Amino acid sequence: MTHDPAANQADQPASDDAAEAVVPYIPYILPLAGAVMMFLLAFIAVSMA
């Protein structure tokens, strides 16, 4: 039995990636971001007119 941490690395589960944590929220974030973007662009267009 060794005390080498590299030898026990295969037993550890894969660490969570930040991108993988965001993926379930994409169907909610993208339309919300699009709505905010359209509101801001419409507000800029009306204020310039």
C-alpha atoms as a PDB file:
ATOM      1  CA  MET A   1       0.000   0.000   0.000  1.00  0.00           C
ATOM      2  CA  THR A   2       1.450   3.341  -1.036  1.00  0.00           C
ATOM      3  CA  HIS A   3       0.795   6.801   0.260  1.00  0.00           C
ATOM      4  CA  ASP A   4       1.259   8.328  -3.170  1.00  0.00           C
ATOM      5  CA  PRO A   5      -1.662  10.706  -3.884  1.00  0.00           C
ATOM      6  CA  ALA A   6      -1.302  10.147  -7.639  1.00  0.00           C
ATOM      7  CA  ALA A   7      -1.963   6.425  -7.171  1.00  0.00           C
ATOM      8  CA  ASN A   8      -5.342   7.096  -5.543  1.00  0.00           C
ATOM      9  CA  GLN A   9      -6.405   9.686  -8.108  1.00  0.00           C
ATOM     10  CA  ALA A  10      -8.352   7.109 -10.148  1.00  0.00           C
ATOM     11  CA  ASP A  11     -10.598   6.435  -7.146  1.00  0.00           C
ATOM     12  CA  GLN A  12     -11.683  10.080  -6.907  1.00  0.00           C
ATOM     13  CA  PRO A  13     -14.766  11.169  -8.863  1.00  0.00           C
ATOM     14  CA  ALA A  14     -14.301  13.805 -11.536  1.00  0.00           C
ATOM     15  CA  SER A  15     -14.467  17.331 -10.194  1.00  0.00           C
ATOM     16  CA  ASP A  16     -17.414  19.493 -11.228  1.00  0.00           C
ATOM     17  CA  ASP A  17     -16.704  21.938 -13.990  1.00  0.00           C
ATOM     18  CA  ALA A  18     -18.109  25.473 -13.805  1.00  0.00           C
ATOM     19  CA  ALA A  19     -19.463  25.208 -17.355  1.00  0.00           C
ATOM     20  CA  GLU A  20     -21.255  21.947 -16.549  1.00  0.00           C
ATOM     21  CA  ALA A  21     -22.914  23.596 -13.545  1.00  0.00           C
ATOM     22  CA  VAL A  22     -24.435  26.334 -15.747  1.00  0.00           C
ATOM     23  CA  VAL A  23     -25.771  24.069 -18.527  1.00  0.00           C
ATOM     24  CA  PRO A  24     -29.148  23.249 -16.844  1.00  0.00           C
ATOM     25  CA  TYR A  25     -29.931  26.977 -16.523  1.00  0.00           C
ATOM     26  CA  ILE A  26     -29.237  27.896 -20.173  1.00  0.00           C
ATOM     27  CA  PRO A  27     -32.898  27.504 -21.308  1.00  0.00           C
ATOM     28  CA  TYR A  28     -33.839  30.164 -18.748  1.00  0.00           C
ATOM     29  CA  ILE A  29     -30.824  32.471 -19.080  1.00  0.00           C
ATOM     30  CA  LEU A  30     -30.758  32.865 -22.877  1.00  0.00           C
ATOM     31  CA  PRO A  31     -34.364  34.052 -23.379  1.00  0.00           C
ATOM     32  CA  LEU A  32     -34.088  36.322 -20.345  1.00  0.00           C
ATOM     33  CA  ALA A  33     -30.861  37.839 -21.677  1.00  0.00           C
ATOM     34  CA  GLY A  34     -32.490  38.276 -25.102  1.00  0.00           C
ATOM     35  CA  ALA A  35     -35.496  40.045 -23.582  1.00  0.00           C
ATOM     36  CA  VAL A  36     -33.257  42.396 -21.624  1.00  0.00           C
ATOM     37  CA  MET A  37     -31.196  43.101 -24.731  1.00  0.00           C
ATOM     38  CA  MET A  38     -34.308  43.869 -26.825  1.00  0.00           C
ATOM     39  CA  PHE A  39     -35.643  46.178 -24.089  1.00  0.00           C
ATOM     40  CA  LEU A  40     -32.358  48.070 -23.887  1.00  0.00           C
ATOM     41  CA  LEU A  41     -32.091  48.434 -27.662  1.00  0.00           C
ATOM     42  CA  ALA A  42     -35.704  49.634 -27.905  1.00  0.00           C
ATOM     43  CA  PHE A  43     -35.095  52.113 -25.080  1.00  0.00           C
ATOM     44  CA  ILE A  44     -32.017  53.482 -26.868  1.00  0.00           C
ATOM     45  CA  ALA A  45     -33.930  53.770 -30.158  1.00  0.00           C
ATOM     46  CA  VAL A  46     -36.852  55.617 -28.530  1.00  0.00           C
ATOM     47  CA  SER A  47     -34.581  57.952 -26.581  1.00  0.00           C
ATOM     48  CA  MET A  48     -32.634  58.869 -29.748  1.00  0.00           C
ATOM     49  CA  ALA A  49     -35.793  59.566 -31.749  1.00  0.00           C
END
